[in-house]
Every structure is written in C-alpha cells, then in structure tokens.
Amino acid sequence: MNKDSSFSKNLREDTQKSEKKYKAFRDISKYFSKKEWAKLSHSEKITYVYLKRNYTTMTSLGLRATLPAFMSSNGQIIESQSDDSDECRNHGSQGPRRRMSHRLRERKYLVAYEEISD
C-alpha cells in the first residue's frame, strides 16, 4: 500500500468534509444576527444544521413538520402544510429567549382508556 496515496486520499476527504461543514454553517448562519451566531457553541450550530436538514427531509417526503423557530422570520413557530395546527404564540413578553425552544401541545379531546381483562 502506498502511504502517499493514502495520505492524499485522507486529506482530500477531510477537505471535502470541511467544505460541506462550512457550507452547512453558512446556510444556517443567515437565520441569526452576527452577534447571535458568535455566541453559539459549535455543538449548537451543528444542532441547528441537523434541525434544518431533518425539516427539509420530512417536508420533501410529504410529511407535516413544524418549521423550526430559528427558520421563521420573526421567531414565531409556523406549521407547514397543517390543517389542524394549534395557534402559534409569540412569547415576546417573557424577555430574551433562546431561539431553539420546545413546546408541548395539549390534547384537544379527552382520551378515555378501558381496561382489558383476559
């Protein structure tokens, strides 16, 4: 096995990975101000990359998915292709919040369970 060709192959793969990562970060950074982007850790940036990637994949498959909060224009959560969406709430009165927030949906209808005996 030729060590030089192995080294150049690894170097080429590393360069391709770096270019993909740079492109993904550049794609996500447009949703944040320069100040917000600078405050994010590397792992948070990667999380946002995967959030966007998962959203894009799900919607391209025709599934209903909630637009990640950081991708919406003013931080409001928007339901994509949803007929039964809950009202989106803007919690601006609570002061500064992280853009990546999670919310729980309440059930609209009461669910009753029956015990099944053998």
PDB file of N, CA and C in Angstrom:
ATOM      1  N   MET A   1       0.851  -1.179   0.000  1.00  0.00           N
ATOM      2  CA  MET A   1       0.000   0.000   0.000  1.00  0.00           C
ATOM      3  C   MET A   1       0.894   1.239   0.000  1.00  0.00           C
ATOM      4  N   ASN A   2       0.584   2.168  -0.815  1.00  0.00           N
ATOM      5  CA  ASN A   2       1.371   3.385  -0.943  1.00  0.00           C
ATOM      6  C   ASN A   2       0.904   4.403   0.086  1.00  0.00           C
ATOM      7  N   LYS A   3       1.809   4.803   0.976  1.00  0.00           N
ATOM      8  CA  LYS A   3       1.442   5.735   2.045  1.00  0.00           C
ATOM      9  C   LYS A   3       1.075   7.107   1.506  1.00  0.00           C
ATOM     10  N   ASP A   4       1.741   7.547   0.439  1.00  0.00           N
ATOM     11  CA  ASP A   4       1.460   8.870  -0.123  1.00  0.00           C
ATOM     12  C   ASP A   4       0.045   8.958  -0.677  1.00  0.00           C
ATOM     13  N   SER A   5      -0.401   7.923  -1.382  1.00  0.00           N
ATOM     14  CA  SER A   5      -1.753   7.960  -1.941  1.00  0.00           C
ATOM     15  C   SER A   5      -2.803   7.876  -0.836  1.00  0.00           C
ATOM     16  N   SER A   6      -2.501   7.113   0.207  1.00  0.00           N
ATOM     17  CA  SER A   6      -3.416   7.019   1.343  1.00  0.00           C
ATOM     18  C   SER A   6      -3.533   8.361   2.057  1.00  0.00           C
ATOM     19  N   PHE A   7      -2.394   9.023   2.230  1.00  0.00           N
ATOM     20  CA  PHE A   7      -2.386  10.335   2.881  1.00  0.00           C
ATOM     21  C   PHE A   7      -3.158  11.356   2.059  1.00  0.00           C
ATOM     22  N   SER A   8      -2.936  11.369   0.740  1.00  0.00           N
ATOM     23  CA  SER A   8      -3.633  12.341  -0.108  1.00  0.00           C
ATOM     24  C   SER A   8      -5.131  12.058  -0.153  1.00  0.00           C
ATOM     25  N   LYS A   9      -5.497  10.784  -0.103  1.00  0.00           N
ATOM     26  CA  LYS A   9      -6.921  10.427  -0.083  1.00  0.00           C
ATOM     27  C   LYS A   9      -7.571  10.942   1.202  1.00  0.00           C
ATOM     28  N   ASN A  10      -6.911  10.742   2.350  1.00  0.00           N
ATOM     29  CA  ASN A  10      -7.439  11.229   3.628  1.00  0.00           C
ATOM     30  C   ASN A  10      -7.520  12.744   3.646  1.00  0.00           C
ATOM     31  N   LEU A  11      -6.511  13.397   3.091  1.00  0.00           N
ATOM     32  CA  LEU A  11      -6.501  14.854   3.031  1.00  0.00           C
ATOM     33  C   LEU A  11      -7.655  15.365   2.173  1.00  0.00           C
ATOM     34  N   ARG A  12      -7.880  14.700   1.038  1.00  0.00           N
ATOM     35  CA  ARG A  12      -8.976  15.080   0.136  1.00  0.00           C
ATOM     36  C   ARG A  12     -10.326  14.895   0.834  1.00  0.00           C
ATOM     37  N   GLU A  13     -10.506  13.787   1.549  1.00  0.00           N
ATOM     38  CA  GLU A  13     -11.752  13.538   2.274  1.00  0.00           C
ATOM     39  C   GLU A  13     -11.968  14.576   3.367  1.00  0.00           C
ATOM     40  N   ASP A  14     -10.904  14.920   4.089  1.00  0.00           N
ATOM     41  CA  ASP A  14     -11.005  15.946   5.134  1.00  0.00           C
ATOM     42  C   ASP A  14     -11.390  17.290   4.541  1.00  0.00           C
ATOM     43  N   THR A  15     -10.819  17.621   3.380  1.00  0.00           N
ATOM     44  CA  THR A  15     -11.138  18.885   2.720  1.00  0.00           C
ATOM     45  C   THR A  15     -12.599  18.912   2.298  1.00  0.00           C
ATOM     46  N   GLN A  16     -13.094  17.799   1.764  1.00  0.00           N
ATOM     47  CA  GLN A  16     -14.496  17.725   1.350  1.00  0.00           C
ATOM     48  C   GLN A  16     -15.424  17.861   2.547  1.00  0.00           C
ATOM     49  N   LYS A  17     -15.069  17.222   3.660  1.00  0.00           N
ATOM     50  CA  LYS A  17     -15.880  17.337   4.873  1.00  0.00           C
ATOM     51  C   LYS A  17     -15.898  18.771   5.377  1.00  0.00           C
ATOM     52  N   SER A  18     -14.742  19.431   5.344  1.00  0.00           N
ATOM     53  CA  SER A  18     -14.656  20.821   5.801  1.00  0.00           C
ATOM     54  C   SER A  18     -15.502  21.736   4.924  1.00  0.00           C
ATOM     55  N   GLU A  19     -15.471  21.504   3.615  1.00  0.00           N
ATOM     56  CA  GLU A  19     -16.269  22.319   2.697  1.00  0.00           C
ATOM     57  C   GLU A  19     -17.760  22.118   2.949  1.00  0.00           C
ATOM     58  N   LYS A  20     -18.177  20.875   3.179  1.00  0.00           N
ATOM     59  CA  LYS A  20     -19.590  20.597   3.464  1.00  0.00           C
ATOM     60  C   LYS A  20     -20.016  21.271   4.763  1.00  0.00           C
ATOM     61  N   LYS A  21     -19.157  21.169   5.782  1.00  0.00           N
ATOM     62  CA  LYS A  21     -19.468  21.776   7.076  1.00  0.00           C
ATOM     63  C   LYS A  21     -19.544  23.290   6.950  1.00  0.00           C
ATOM     64  N   TYR A  22     -18.616  23.877   6.214  1.00  0.00           N
ATOM     65  CA  TYR A  22     -18.621  25.325   6.014  1.00  0.00           C
ATOM     66  C   TYR A  22     -19.900  25.756   5.299  1.00  0.00           C
ATOM     67  N   LYS A  23     -20.283  25.019   4.262  1.00  0.00           N
ATOM     68  CA  LYS A  23     -21.497  25.350   3.513  1.00  0.00           C
ATOM     69  C   LYS A  23     -22.731  25.224   4.404  1.00  0.00           C
ATOM     70  N   ALA A  24     -22.786  24.173   5.212  1.00  0.00           N
ATOM     71  CA  ALA A  24     -23.929  23.971   6.106  1.00  0.00           C
ATOM     72  C   ALA A  24     -24.016  25.090   7.137  1.00  0.00           C
ATOM     73  N   PHE A  25     -22.887  25.467   7.722  1.00  0.00           N
ATOM     74  CA  PHE A  25     -22.877  26.561   8.700  1.00  0.00           C
ATOM     75  C   PHE A  25     -23.255  27.883   8.044  1.00  0.00           C
ATOM     76  N   ARG A  26     -22.745  28.131   6.847  1.00  0.00           N
ATOM     77  CA  ARG A  26     -23.074  29.367   6.136  1.00  0.00           C
ATOM     78  C   ARG A  26     -24.576  29.416   5.845  1.00  0.00           C
ATOM     79  N   ASP A  27     -25.135  28.266   5.498  1.00  0.00           N
ATOM     80  CA  ASP A  27     -26.563  28.173   5.212  1.00  0.00           C
ATOM     81  C   ASP A  27     -27.402  28.495   6.448  1.00  0.00           C
ATOM     82  N   ILE A  28     -26.980  28.045   7.612  1.00  0.00           N
ATOM     83  CA  ILE A  28     -27.713  28.261   8.855  1.00  0.00           C
ATOM     84  C   ILE A  28     -27.470  29.657   9.417  1.00  0.00           C
ATOM     85  N   SER A  29     -26.279  30.187   9.227  1.00  0.00           N
ATOM     86  CA  SER A  29     -25.933  31.480   9.835  1.00  0.00           C
ATOM     87  C   SER A  29     -26.803  32.623   9.337  1.00  0.00           C
ATOM     88  N   LYS A  30     -27.424  32.467   8.176  1.00  0.00           N
ATOM     89  CA  LYS A  30     -28.274  33.545   7.654  1.00  0.00           C
ATOM     90  C   LYS A  30     -29.528  33.761   8.503  1.00  0.00           C
ATOM     91  N   TYR A  31     -29.862  32.809   9.352  1.00  0.00           N
ATOM     92  CA  TYR A  31     -31.032  32.943  10.220  1.00  0.00           C
ATOM     93  C   TYR A  31     -30.711  33.675  11.525  1.00  0.00           C
ATOM     94  N   PHE A  32     -29.451  33.994  11.760  1.00  0.00           N
ATOM     95  CA  PHE A  32     -29.021  34.614  13.006  1.00  0.00           C
ATOM     96  C   PHE A  32     -28.287  35.917  12.721  1.00  0.00           C
ATOM     97  N   SER A  33     -28.343  36.825  13.685  1.00  0.00           N
ATOM     98  CA  SER A  33     -27.517  38.028  13.576  1.00  0.00           C
ATOM     99  C   SER A  33     -26.064  37.614  13.829  1.00  0.00           C
ATOM    100  N   LYS A  34     -25.131  38.462  13.453  1.00  0.00           N
ATOM    101  CA  LYS A  34     -23.716  38.140  13.670  1.00  0.00           C
ATOM    102  C   LYS A  34     -23.414  37.958  15.148  1.00  0.00           C
ATOM    103  N   LYS A  35     -24.071  38.752  15.982  1.00  0.00           N
ATOM    104  CA  LYS A  35     -23.862  38.668  17.427  1.00  0.00           C
ATOM    105  C   LYS A  35     -24.378  37.331  17.970  1.00  0.00           C
ATOM    106  N   GLU A  36     -25.588  36.935  17.539  1.00  0.00           N
ATOM    107  CA  GLU A  36     -26.161  35.662  17.992  1.00  0.00           C
ATOM    108  C   GLU A  36     -25.298  34.489  17.520  1.00  0.00           C
ATOM    109  N   TRP A  37     -24.853  34.562  16.263  1.00  0.00           N
ATOM    110  CA  TRP A  37     -24.050  33.479  15.698  1.00  0.00           C
ATOM    111  C   TRP A  37     -22.738  33.307  16.460  1.00  0.00           C
ATOM    112  N   ALA A  38     -22.135  34.414  16.850  1.00  0.00           N
ATOM    113  CA  ALA A  38     -20.871  34.359  17.582  1.00  0.00           C
ATOM    114  C   ALA A  38     -21.051  33.736  18.964  1.00  0.00           C
ATOM    115  N   LYS A  39     -22.220  33.902  19.569  1.00  0.00           N
ATOM    116  CA  LYS A  39     -22.474  33.356  20.907  1.00  0.00           C
ATOM    117  C   LYS A  39     -22.744  31.850  20.893  1.00  0.00           C
ATOM    118  N   LEU A  40     -23.153  31.307  19.744  1.00  0.00           N
ATOM    119  CA  LEU A  40     -23.476  29.885  19.673  1.00  0.00           C
ATOM    120  C   LEU A  40     -22.213  29.032  19.741  1.00  0.00           C
ATOM    121  N   SER A  41     -22.314  27.934  20.469  1.00  0.00           N
ATOM    122  CA  SER A  41     -21.191  26.993  20.520  1.00  0.00           C
ATOM    123  C   SER A  41     -21.206  26.139  19.251  1.00  0.00           C
ATOM    124  N   HIS A  42     -20.129  25.440  19.024  1.00  0.00           N
ATOM    125  CA  HIS A  42     -20.022  24.580  17.845  1.00  0.00           C
ATOM    126  C   HIS A  42     -21.136  23.525  17.847  1.00  0.00           C
ATOM    127  N   SER A  43     -21.395  22.931  18.993  1.00  0.00           N
ATOM    128  CA  SER A  43     -22.428  21.887  19.067  1.00  0.00           C
ATOM    129  C   SER A  43     -23.825  22.456  18.814  1.00  0.00           C
ATOM    130  N   GLU A  44     -24.083  23.690  19.247  1.00  0.00           N
ATOM    131  CA  GLU A  44     -25.380  24.313  18.967  1.00  0.00           C
ATOM    132  C   GLU A  44     -25.542  24.569  17.470  1.00  0.00           C
ATOM    133  N   LYS A  45     -24.469  24.997  16.824  1.00  0.00           N
ATOM    134  CA  LYS A  45     -24.522  25.228  15.377  1.00  0.00           C
ATOM    135  C   LYS A  45     -24.823  23.928  14.643  1.00  0.00           C
ATOM    136  N   ILE A  46     -24.180  22.847  15.064  1.00  0.00           N
ATOM    137  CA  ILE A  46     -24.424  21.546  14.446  1.00  0.00           C
ATOM    138  C   ILE A  46     -25.871  21.119  14.675  1.00  0.00           C
ATOM    139  N   THR A  47     -26.398  21.381  15.861  1.00  0.00           N
ATOM    140  CA  THR A  47     -27.793  21.052  16.157  1.00  0.00           C
ATOM    141  C   THR A  47     -28.730  21.765  15.197  1.00  0.00           C
ATOM    142  N   TYR A  48     -28.485  23.043  14.945  1.00  0.00           N
ATOM    143  CA  TYR A  48     -29.315  23.801  14.007  1.00  0.00           C
ATOM    144  C   TYR A  48     -29.196  23.258  12.586  1.00  0.00           C
ATOM    145  N   VAL A  49     -28.001  22.823  12.198  1.00  0.00           N
ATOM    146  CA  VAL A  49     -27.816  22.232  10.868  1.00  0.00           C
ATOM    147  C   VAL A  49     -28.701  20.999  10.736  1.00  0.00           C
ATOM    148  N   TYR A  50     -28.689  20.138  11.756  1.00  0.00           N
ATOM    149  CA  TYR A  50     -29.494  18.925  11.705  1.00  0.00           C
ATOM    150  C   TYR A  50     -30.991  19.220  11.810  1.00  0.00           C
ATOM    151  N   LEU A  51     -31.370  20.230  12.571  1.00  0.00           N
ATOM    152  CA  LEU A  51     -32.785  20.609  12.628  1.00  0.00           C
ATOM    153  C   LEU A  51     -33.289  20.993  11.243  1.00  0.00           C
ATOM    154  N   LYS A  52     -32.520  21.816  10.543  1.00  0.00           N
ATOM    155  CA  LYS A  52     -32.923  22.240   9.203  1.00  0.00           C
ATOM    156  C   LYS A  52     -32.929  21.055   8.248  1.00  0.00           C
ATOM    157  N   ARG A  53     -31.897  20.207   8.335  1.00  0.00           N
ATOM    158  CA  ARG A  53     -31.813  19.047   7.452  1.00  0.00           C
ATOM    159  C   ARG A  53     -32.998  18.108   7.671  1.00  0.00           C
ATOM    160  N   ASN A  54     -33.356  17.857   8.921  1.00  0.00           N
ATOM    161  CA  ASN A  54     -34.495  16.987   9.219  1.00  0.00           C
ATOM    162  C   ASN A  54     -35.797  17.588   8.719  1.00  0.00           C
ATOM    163  N   TYR A  55     -35.977  18.900   8.920  1.00  0.00           N
ATOM    164  CA  TYR A  55     -37.185  19.577   8.445  1.00  0.00           C
ATOM    165  C   TYR A  55     -37.291  19.467   6.925  1.00  0.00           C
ATOM    166  N   THR A  56     -36.196  19.733   6.232  1.00  0.00           N
ATOM    167  CA  THR A  56     -36.195  19.672   4.771  1.00  0.00           C
ATOM    168  C   THR A  56     -36.505  18.265   4.285  1.00  0.00           C
ATOM    169  N   THR A  57     -35.914  17.269   4.910  1.00  0.00           N
ATOM    170  CA  THR A  57     -36.149  15.879   4.529  1.00  0.00           C
ATOM    171  C   THR A  57     -37.605  15.493   4.745  1.00  0.00           C
ATOM    172  N   MET A  58     -38.154  15.840   5.906  1.00  0.00           N
ATOM    173  CA  MET A  58     -39.537  15.471   6.216  1.00  0.00           C
ATOM    174  C   MET A  58     -40.518  16.126   5.253  1.00  0.00           C
ATOM    175  N   THR A  59     -40.342  17.407   4.974  1.00  0.00           N
ATOM    176  CA  THR A  59     -41.272  18.091   4.072  1.00  0.00           C
ATOM    177  C   THR A  59     -41.113  17.607   2.635  1.00  0.00           C
ATOM    178  N   SER A  60     -39.897  17.242   2.233  1.00  0.00           N
ATOM    179  CA  SER A  60     -39.709  16.727   0.874  1.00  0.00           C
ATOM    180  C   SER A  60     -40.365  15.358   0.700  1.00  0.00           C
ATOM    181  N   LEU A  61     -40.540  14.632   1.797  1.00  0.00           N
ATOM    182  CA  LEU A  61     -41.233  13.344   1.761  1.00  0.00           C
ATOM    183  C   LEU A  61     -42.749  13.501   1.852  1.00  0.00           C
ATOM    184  N   GLY A  62     -43.215  14.731   1.994  1.00  0.00           N
ATOM    185  CA  GLY A  62     -44.644  14.994   2.070  1.00  0.00           C
ATOM    186  C   GLY A  62     -45.214  14.920   3.472  1.00  0.00           C
ATOM    187  N   LEU A  63     -44.365  14.846   4.470  1.00  0.00           N
ATOM    188  CA  LEU A  63     -44.833  14.786   5.851  1.00  0.00           C
ATOM    189  C   LEU A  63     -45.073  16.189   6.384  1.00  0.00           C
ATOM    190  N   ARG A  64     -45.940  16.290   7.355  1.00  0.00           N
ATOM    191  CA  ARG A  64     -46.175  17.570   8.016  1.00  0.00           C
ATOM    192  C   ARG A  64     -45.119  17.763   9.086  1.00  0.00           C
ATOM    193  N   ALA A  65     -44.506  18.915   9.060  1.00  0.00           N
ATOM    194  CA  ALA A  65     -43.456  19.194  10.042  1.00  0.00           C
ATOM    195  C   ALA A  65     -43.554  20.645  10.469  1.00  0.00           C
ATOM    196  N   THR A  66     -43.232  20.902  11.717  1.00  0.00           N
ATOM    197  CA  THR A  66     -43.227  22.265  12.239  1.00  0.00           C
ATOM    198  C   THR A  66     -41.932  22.944  11.823  1.00  0.00           C
ATOM    199  N   LEU A  67     -42.062  24.116  11.236  1.00  0.00           N
ATOM    200  CA  LEU A  67     -40.888  24.893  10.849  1.00  0.00           C
ATOM    201  C   LEU A  67     -40.106  25.241  12.106  1.00  0.00           C
ATOM    202  N   PRO A  68     -38.820  24.898  12.155  1.00  0.00           N
ATOM    203  CA  PRO A  68     -38.032  25.249  13.340  1.00  0.00           C
ATOM    204  C   PRO A  68     -38.092  26.746  13.612  1.00  0.00           C
ATOM    205  N   ALA A  69     -38.166  27.109  14.869  1.00  0.00           N
ATOM    206  CA  ALA A  69     -38.355  28.508  15.260  1.00  0.00           C
ATOM    207  C   ALA A  69     -37.265  29.409  14.706  1.00  0.00           C
ATOM    208  N   PHE A  70     -36.040  28.922  14.634  1.00  0.00           N
ATOM    209  CA  PHE A  70     -34.963  29.788  14.150  1.00  0.00           C
ATOM    210  C   PHE A  70     -35.088  30.082  12.659  1.00  0.00           C
ATOM    211  N   MET A  71     -35.850  29.270  11.923  1.00  0.00           N
ATOM    212  CA  MET A  71     -36.009  29.480  10.489  1.00  0.00           C
ATOM    213  C   MET A  71     -37.145  30.431  10.144  1.00  0.00           C
ATOM    214  N   SER A  72     -38.035  30.687  11.096  1.00  0.00           N
ATOM    215  CA  SER A  72     -39.128  31.610  10.809  1.00  0.00           C
ATOM    216  C   SER A  72     -38.622  33.038  10.888  1.00  0.00           C
ATOM    217  N   SER A  73     -39.301  33.927  10.202  1.00  0.00           N
ATOM    218  CA  SER A  73     -38.793  35.293  10.054  1.00  0.00           C
ATOM    219  C   SER A  73     -38.712  36.063  11.363  1.00  0.00           C
ATOM    220  N   ASN A  74     -39.671  35.881  12.261  1.00  0.00           N
ATOM    221  CA  ASN A  74     -39.647  36.666  13.495  1.00  0.00           C
ATOM    222  C   ASN A  74     -39.720  35.801  14.745  1.00  0.00           C
ATOM    223  N   GLY A  75     -39.270  34.566  14.647  1.00  0.00           N
ATOM    224  CA  GLY A  75     -39.207  33.716  15.824  1.00  0.00           C
ATOM    225  C   GLY A  75     -40.507  33.002  16.157  1.00  0.00           C
ATOM    226  N   GLN A  76     -41.556  33.223  15.355  1.00  0.00           N
ATOM    227  CA  GLN A  76     -42.808  32.532  15.609  1.00  0.00           C
ATOM    228  C   GLN A  76     -42.736  31.144  14.996  1.00  0.00           C
ATOM    229  N   ILE A  77     -43.403  30.202  15.613  1.00  0.00           N
ATOM    230  CA  ILE A  77     -43.426  28.843  15.098  1.00  0.00           C
ATOM    231  C   ILE A  77     -44.551  28.750  14.078  1.00  0.00           C
ATOM    232  N   ILE A  78     -44.232  28.199  12.914  1.00  0.00           N
ATOM    233  CA  ILE A  78     -45.203  28.107  11.834  1.00  0.00           C
ATOM    234  C   ILE A  78     -45.369  26.642  11.476  1.00  0.00           C
ATOM    235  N   GLU A  79     -46.608  26.198  11.340  1.00  0.00           N
ATOM    236  CA  GLU A  79     -46.879  24.827  10.954  1.00  0.00           C
ATOM    237  C   GLU A  79     -46.864  24.752   9.432  1.00  0.00           C
ATOM    238  N   SER A  80     -46.178  23.768   8.868  1.00  0.00           N
ATOM    239  CA  SER A  80     -46.169  23.615   7.423  1.00  0.00           C
ATOM    240  C   SER A  80     -47.219  22.599   7.019  1.00  0.00           C
ATOM    241  N   GLN A  81     -47.972  22.914   5.993  1.00  0.00           N
ATOM    242  CA  GLN A  81     -48.971  22.020   5.423  1.00  0.00           C
ATOM    243  C   GLN A  81     -49.882  21.427   6.486  1.00  0.00           C
ATOM    244  N   SER A  82     -50.289  22.199   7.438  1.00  0.00           N
ATOM    245  CA  SER A  82     -51.057  21.656   8.546  1.00  0.00           C
ATOM    246  C   SER A  82     -52.456  22.249   8.575  1.00  0.00           C
ATOM    247  N   ASP A  83     -53.460  21.373   8.609  1.00  0.00           N
ATOM    248  CA  ASP A  83     -54.842  21.827   8.715  1.00  0.00           C
ATOM    249  C   ASP A  83     -55.281  21.927  10.162  1.00  0.00           C
ATOM    250  N   ASP A  84     -54.694  21.119  11.029  1.00  0.00           N
ATOM    251  CA  ASP A  84     -55.119  21.049  12.421  1.00  0.00           C
ATOM    252  C   ASP A  84     -54.081  21.662  13.354  1.00  0.00           C
ATOM    253  N   SER A  85     -53.440  22.727  12.913  1.00  0.00           N
ATOM    254  CA  SER A  85     -52.375  23.311  13.731  1.00  0.00           C
ATOM    255  C   SER A  85     -52.937  24.096  14.899  1.00  0.00           C
ATOM    256  N   ASP A  86     -52.180  24.103  15.989  1.00  0.00           N
ATOM    257  CA  ASP A  86     -52.519  24.949  17.129  1.00  0.00           C
ATOM    258  C   ASP A  86     -52.133  26.365  16.789  1.00  0.00           C
ATOM    259  N   GLU A  87     -52.674  27.318  17.531  1.00  0.00           N
ATOM    260  CA  GLU A  87     -52.298  28.699  17.290  1.00  0.00           C
ATOM    261  C   GLU A  87     -50.847  28.896  17.684  1.00  0.00           C
ATOM    262  N   CYS A  88     -50.140  29.644  16.845  1.00  0.00           N
ATOM    263  CA  CYS A  88     -48.746  29.964  17.164  1.00  0.00           C
ATOM    264  C   CYS A  88     -48.737  31.106  18.149  1.00  0.00           C
ATOM    265  N   ARG A  89     -47.903  30.978  19.151  1.00  0.00           N
ATOM    266  CA  ARG A  89     -47.850  32.019  20.176  1.00  0.00           C
ATOM    267  C   ARG A  89     -46.484  32.664  20.158  1.00  0.00           C
ATOM    268  N   ASN A  90     -46.473  33.985  20.210  1.00  0.00           N
ATOM    269  CA  ASN A  90     -45.208  34.700  20.312  1.00  0.00           C
ATOM    270  C   ASN A  90     -45.035  35.091  21.770  1.00  0.00           C
ATOM    271  N   HIS A  91     -44.014  34.576  22.410  1.00  0.00           N
ATOM    272  CA  HIS A  91     -43.782  34.818  23.833  1.00  0.00           C
ATOM    273  C   HIS A  91     -42.808  35.969  24.030  1.00  0.00           C
ATOM    274  N   GLY A  92     -42.987  37.061  23.297  1.00  0.00           N
ATOM    275  CA  GLY A  92     -42.069  38.183  23.368  1.00  0.00           C
ATOM    276  C   GLY A  92     -42.091  38.892  24.703  1.00  0.00           C
ATOM    277  N   SER A  93     -43.165  38.766  25.462  1.00  0.00           N
ATOM    278  CA  SER A  93     -43.270  39.465  26.738  1.00  0.00           C
ATOM    279  C   SER A  93     -42.425  38.815  27.830  1.00  0.00           C
ATOM    280  N   GLN A  94     -41.853  37.658  27.545  1.00  0.00           N
ATOM    281  CA  GLN A  94     -41.073  36.958  28.556  1.00  0.00           C
ATOM    282  C   GLN A  94     -39.599  37.335  28.520  1.00  0.00           C
ATOM    283  N   GLY A  95     -39.245  38.350  27.758  1.00  0.00           N
ATOM    284  CA  GLY A  95     -37.851  38.776  27.695  1.00  0.00           C
ATOM    285  C   GLY A  95     -37.083  37.953  26.687  1.00  0.00           C
ATOM    286  N   PRO A  96     -35.776  38.134  26.652  1.00  0.00           N
ATOM    287  CA  PRO A  96     -34.982  37.404  25.665  1.00  0.00           C
ATOM    288  C   PRO A  96     -35.007  35.908  25.933  1.00  0.00           C
ATOM    289  N   ARG A  97     -35.220  35.149  24.883  1.00  0.00           N
ATOM    290  CA  ARG A  97     -35.266  33.693  24.986  1.00  0.00           C
ATOM    291  C   ARG A  97     -34.367  33.102  23.924  1.00  0.00           C
ATOM    292  N   ARG A  98     -33.948  31.906  24.146  1.00  0.00           N
ATOM    293  CA  ARG A  98     -33.166  31.210  23.122  1.00  0.00           C
ATOM    294  C   ARG A  98     -34.085  30.917  21.944  1.00  0.00           C
ATOM    295  N   ARG A  99     -33.548  30.980  20.764  1.00  0.00           N
ATOM    296  CA  ARG A  99     -34.355  30.750  19.577  1.00  0.00           C
ATOM    297  C   ARG A  99     -34.824  29.302  19.471  1.00  0.00           C
ATOM    298  N   MET A 100     -34.035  28.391  19.979  1.00  0.00           N
ATOM    299  CA  MET A 100     -34.430  26.997  19.892  1.00  0.00           C
ATOM    300  C   MET A 100     -35.242  26.658  21.135  1.00  0.00           C
ATOM    301  N   SER A 101     -36.559  26.778  21.038  1.00  0.00           N
ATOM    302  CA  SER A 101     -37.399  26.462  22.185  1.00  0.00           C
ATOM    303  C   SER A 101     -38.350  25.344  21.793  1.00  0.00           C
ATOM    304  N   HIS A 102     -38.736  24.597  22.747  1.00  0.00           N
ATOM    305  CA  HIS A 102     -39.637  23.479  22.513  1.00  0.00           C
ATOM    306  C   HIS A 102     -40.975  23.807  23.162  1.00  0.00           C
ATOM    307  N   ARG A 103     -42.025  23.262  22.607  1.00  0.00           N
ATOM    308  CA  ARG A 103     -43.332  23.497  23.196  1.00  0.00           C
ATOM    309  C   ARG A 103     -44.117  22.193  23.203  1.00  0.00           C
ATOM    310  N   LEU A 104     -45.047  22.119  24.100  1.00  0.00           N
ATOM    311  CA  LEU A 104     -45.904  20.952  24.201  1.00  0.00           C
ATOM    312  C   LEU A 104     -47.285  21.317  23.702  1.00  0.00           C
ATOM    313  N   ARG A 105     -47.902  20.395  23.012  1.00  0.00           N
ATOM    314  CA  ARG A 105     -49.269  20.626  22.567  1.00  0.00           C
ATOM    315  C   ARG A 105     -50.215  19.929  23.519  1.00  0.00           C
ATOM    316  N   GLU A 106     -51.308  20.580  23.845  1.00  0.00           N
ATOM    317  CA  GLU A 106     -52.323  19.964  24.683  1.00  0.00           C
ATOM    318  C   GLU A 106     -53.285  19.195  23.791  1.00  0.00           C
ATOM    319  N   ARG A 107     -53.851  18.139  24.342  1.00  0.00           N
ATOM    320  CA  ARG A 107     -54.847  17.389  23.582  1.00  0.00           C
ATOM    321  C   ARG A 107     -56.121  18.207  23.483  1.00  0.00           C
ATOM    322  N   LYS A 108     -56.748  18.158  22.312  1.00  0.00           N
ATOM    323  CA  LYS A 108     -57.996  18.882  22.111  1.00  0.00           C
ATOM    324  C   LYS A 108     -59.179  18.103  22.688  1.00  0.00           C
ATOM    325  N   TYR A 109     -59.063  16.786  22.650  1.00  0.00           N
ATOM    326  CA  TYR A 109     -60.172  15.957  23.105  1.00  0.00           C
ATOM    327  C   TYR A 109     -59.700  15.033  24.226  1.00  0.00           C
ATOM    328  N   LEU A 110     -60.589  14.766  25.169  1.00  0.00           N
ATOM    329  CA  LEU A 110     -60.282  13.878  26.274  1.00  0.00           C
ATOM    330  C   LEU A 110     -60.171  12.449  25.753  1.00  0.00           C
ATOM    331  N   VAL A 111     -59.181  11.737  26.187  1.00  0.00           N
ATOM    332  CA  VAL A 111     -58.979  10.361  25.764  1.00  0.00           C
ATOM    333  C   VAL A 111     -59.298   9.455  26.942  1.00  0.00           C
ATOM    334  N   ALA A 112     -60.184   8.488  26.723  1.00  0.00           N
ATOM    335  CA  ALA A 112     -60.553   7.540  27.777  1.00  0.00           C
ATOM    336  C   ALA A 112     -59.983   6.175  27.419  1.00  0.00           C
ATOM    337  N   TYR A 113     -59.420   5.513  28.404  1.00  0.00           N
ATOM    338  CA  TYR A 113     -58.850   4.198  28.200  1.00  0.00           C
ATOM    339  C   TYR A 113     -59.669   3.180  28.977  1.00  0.00           C
ATOM    340  N   GLU A 114     -59.889   2.014  28.355  1.00  0.00           N
ATOM    341  CA  GLU A 114     -60.603   0.934  29.024  1.00  0.00           C
ATOM    342  C   GLU A 114     -59.606  -0.136  29.434  1.00  0.00           C
ATOM    343  N   GLU A 115     -59.873  -0.736  30.578  1.00  0.00           N
ATOM    344  CA  GLU A 115     -59.033  -1.838  30.999  1.00  0.00           C
ATOM    345  C   GLU A 115     -59.533  -3.095  30.317  1.00  0.00           C
ATOM    346  N   ILE A 116     -58.616  -3.825  29.744  1.00  0.00           N
ATOM    347  CA  ILE A 116     -58.987  -5.059  29.055  1.00  0.00           C
ATOM    348  C   ILE A 116     -58.512  -6.216  29.909  1.00  0.00           C
ATOM    349  N   SER A 117     -59.460  -7.077  30.294  1.00  0.00           N
ATOM    350  CA  SER A 117     -59.085  -8.234  31.112  1.00  0.00           C
ATOM    351  C   SER A 117     -59.045  -9.480  30.241  1.00  0.00           C
ATOM    352  N   ASP A 118     -58.183 -10.399  30.619  1.00  0.00           N
ATOM    353  CA  ASP A 118     -58.035 -11.642  29.841  1.00  0.00           C
ATOM    354  C   ASP A 118     -59.086 -12.627  30.161  1.00  0.00           C
TER     355      ASP A 118
END
